[in-house]
N, C-alpha and C. Protein backbone atom coordinates (compact mmCIF):
# COMPACT_ATOMS: atom_id res chain seq x y z
N MET A 1 33.89 18.98 -4.66
CA MET A 1 32.17 18.75 -5.36
C MET A 1 32.40 17.02 -5.92
N LYS A 2 31.57 16.90 -5.58
CA LYS A 2 31.15 15.21 -6.05
C LYS A 2 30.59 15.11 -7.68
N THR A 3 31.98 14.76 -8.34
CA THR A 3 31.35 14.51 -9.86
C THR A 3 30.63 13.07 -10.15
N MET A 4 31.42 12.33 -9.61
CA MET A 4 30.81 10.99 -9.87
C MET A 4 31.06 9.92 -8.68
N SER A 5 29.97 8.89 -8.44
CA SER A 5 30.09 8.05 -7.22
C SER A 5 30.87 6.84 -7.71
N SER A 6 31.83 6.42 -6.90
CA SER A 6 32.54 4.85 -7.54
C SER A 6 31.89 3.54 -7.16
N THR A 7 30.67 3.64 -6.31
CA THR A 7 29.61 2.54 -6.35
C THR A 7 28.45 2.81 -7.56
N ASN A 8 27.61 2.09 -7.50
CA ASN A 8 26.78 1.96 -8.27
C ASN A 8 25.53 2.56 -7.62
N ASP A 9 25.07 3.45 -7.84
CA ASP A 9 23.98 4.31 -7.37
C ASP A 9 22.83 3.75 -8.32
N LEU A 10 23.04 3.77 -9.31
CA LEU A 10 21.63 3.15 -10.43
C LEU A 10 21.34 1.82 -10.43
N SER A 11 20.29 1.56 -9.83
CA SER A 11 19.86 -0.07 -9.61
C SER A 11 19.12 -0.74 -11.28
N VAL A 12 19.78 -1.80 -11.63
CA VAL A 12 18.73 -2.30 -12.65
C VAL A 12 17.20 -2.59 -12.18
N PHE A 13 17.03 -2.85 -11.17
CA PHE A 13 15.53 -3.37 -10.30
C PHE A 13 15.46 -2.08 -9.32
N PRO A 14 14.88 -1.06 -9.65
CA PRO A 14 14.64 -0.12 -8.52
C PRO A 14 14.06 -0.59 -7.41
N GLY A 15 13.20 -1.81 -7.73
CA GLY A 15 12.39 -2.06 -6.19
C GLY A 15 13.10 -3.13 -5.04
N GLN A 16 14.54 -2.92 -5.62
CA GLN A 16 15.27 -4.07 -4.62
C GLN A 16 16.35 -2.92 -4.32
N ILE A 17 16.57 -3.59 -2.71
CA ILE A 17 17.69 -2.89 -2.23
C ILE A 17 18.50 -3.93 -1.44
N ASP A 18 19.75 -3.85 -1.63
CA ASP A 18 20.64 -4.91 -1.06
C ASP A 18 19.94 -6.55 -1.17
N GLY A 19 19.32 -6.71 -2.40
CA GLY A 19 19.18 -7.69 -2.98
C GLY A 19 17.96 -8.29 -1.92
N VAL A 20 17.09 -7.70 -1.38
CA VAL A 20 15.78 -7.67 -0.82
C VAL A 20 14.97 -6.55 -1.17
N GLY A 21 13.81 -7.15 -1.76
CA GLY A 21 12.75 -6.16 -2.27
C GLY A 21 11.99 -5.31 -1.53
N ALA A 22 12.16 -4.10 -1.65
CA ALA A 22 11.54 -3.01 -1.17
C ALA A 22 10.04 -3.44 -1.14
N LYS A 23 9.10 -3.18 -0.09
CA LYS A 23 8.11 -2.64 -0.16
C LYS A 23 7.64 -1.36 -0.30
N THR A 24 6.67 -1.56 -1.49
CA THR A 24 6.17 -0.11 -1.50
C THR A 24 4.70 0.15 -1.60
N GLY A 25 4.33 0.57 -0.94
CA GLY A 25 2.59 1.02 -0.75
C GLY A 25 1.87 -0.03 -0.17
N PRO A 26 0.71 0.21 0.13
CA PRO A 26 -0.12 -0.76 0.99
C PRO A 26 -0.47 -2.07 0.44
N SER A 27 -0.90 -2.94 1.35
CA SER A 27 -0.96 -4.61 1.02
C SER A 27 -2.24 -4.61 0.52
N PHE A 28 -2.42 -5.82 -0.25
CA PHE A 28 -3.66 -6.10 -0.87
C PHE A 28 -4.65 -6.37 0.71
N ALA A 29 -3.92 -6.99 1.84
CA ALA A 29 -4.65 -7.46 3.00
C ALA A 29 -5.43 -5.97 3.44
N ALA A 30 -4.70 -5.01 3.45
CA ALA A 30 -4.91 -3.32 4.16
C ALA A 30 -6.19 -2.89 3.16
N ALA A 31 -6.10 -3.16 1.76
CA ALA A 31 -7.16 -3.01 1.01
C ALA A 31 -8.39 -3.65 1.14
N LEU A 32 -8.45 -4.79 1.46
CA LEU A 32 -9.76 -5.72 1.65
C LEU A 32 -9.99 -5.69 2.74
N CYS A 33 -9.37 -5.30 3.76
CA CYS A 33 -9.43 -5.13 5.08
C CYS A 33 -10.65 -3.59 5.16
N GLY A 34 -9.93 -2.72 4.27
CA GLY A 34 -11.09 -1.52 4.22
C GLY A 34 -12.21 -1.61 3.34
N PHE A 35 -12.13 -1.98 2.48
CA PHE A 35 -13.34 -2.77 1.78
C PHE A 35 -14.28 -3.32 2.23
N VAL A 36 -13.71 -4.27 2.87
CA VAL A 36 -15.08 -5.34 3.79
C VAL A 36 -15.56 -4.31 4.91
N SER A 37 -15.02 -3.41 5.40
CA SER A 37 -15.32 -2.28 6.75
C SER A 37 -16.15 -1.15 6.38
N THR A 38 -15.83 -0.67 5.07
CA THR A 38 -16.78 0.12 4.48
C THR A 38 -17.88 -0.36 4.18
N THR A 39 -18.30 -1.62 3.58
CA THR A 39 -19.23 -2.29 3.39
C THR A 39 -20.14 -2.23 4.45
N VAL A 40 -19.35 -3.24 5.66
CA VAL A 40 -20.14 -3.26 6.44
C VAL A 40 -20.70 -2.23 7.10
N ALA A 41 -20.14 -1.00 7.55
CA ALA A 41 -20.63 0.06 8.05
C ALA A 41 -21.68 0.89 7.32
N THR A 42 -21.77 0.68 5.61
CA THR A 42 -22.23 1.21 4.78
C THR A 42 -23.73 0.34 5.04
N THR A 43 -23.50 -0.93 5.15
CA THR A 43 -24.57 -1.78 5.28
C THR A 43 -25.46 -1.75 6.60
N MET A 44 -24.81 -1.61 7.82
CA MET A 44 -25.34 -1.01 8.64
C MET A 44 -26.26 0.43 8.79
N LEU A 45 -25.60 1.05 8.07
CA LEU A 45 -25.90 2.67 8.22
C LEU A 45 -27.52 2.22 7.67
N MET A 46 -27.87 1.90 6.25
CA MET A 46 -29.07 1.18 5.69
C MET A 46 -29.89 1.18 6.41
N PHE A 47 -29.98 -0.04 6.78
CA PHE A 47 -30.60 -1.05 7.86
C PHE A 47 -31.11 0.04 8.93
N LEU A 48 -29.88 0.95 9.78
CA LEU A 48 -30.65 1.84 10.59
C LEU A 48 -31.97 2.91 10.02
N LEU A 49 -30.91 3.23 8.79
CA LEU A 49 -32.02 4.57 8.38
C LEU A 49 -33.46 3.76 7.85
N SER A 50 -33.32 2.82 7.59
CA SER A 50 -34.98 1.88 6.97
C SER A 50 -35.88 1.35 7.64
N SER A 51 -35.25 1.51 9.16
CA SER A 51 -36.44 0.95 10.45
C SER A 51 -36.26 2.20 11.12
N VAL A 52 -36.05 3.65 10.54
CA VAL A 52 -36.93 4.65 11.32
C VAL A 52 -38.06 4.90 10.82
């Protein structure tokens, strides 16, 4: 039965693994790309519906 680990399992900085920052979640570029593409698609749909 494992009671206590001899290594340091609890890190002071949970976002860092082996001294390298762990990337969590989507990037700002991905969010910006999604926003721009949604805006363009909505605008095109509005123009298509208004031309009918």
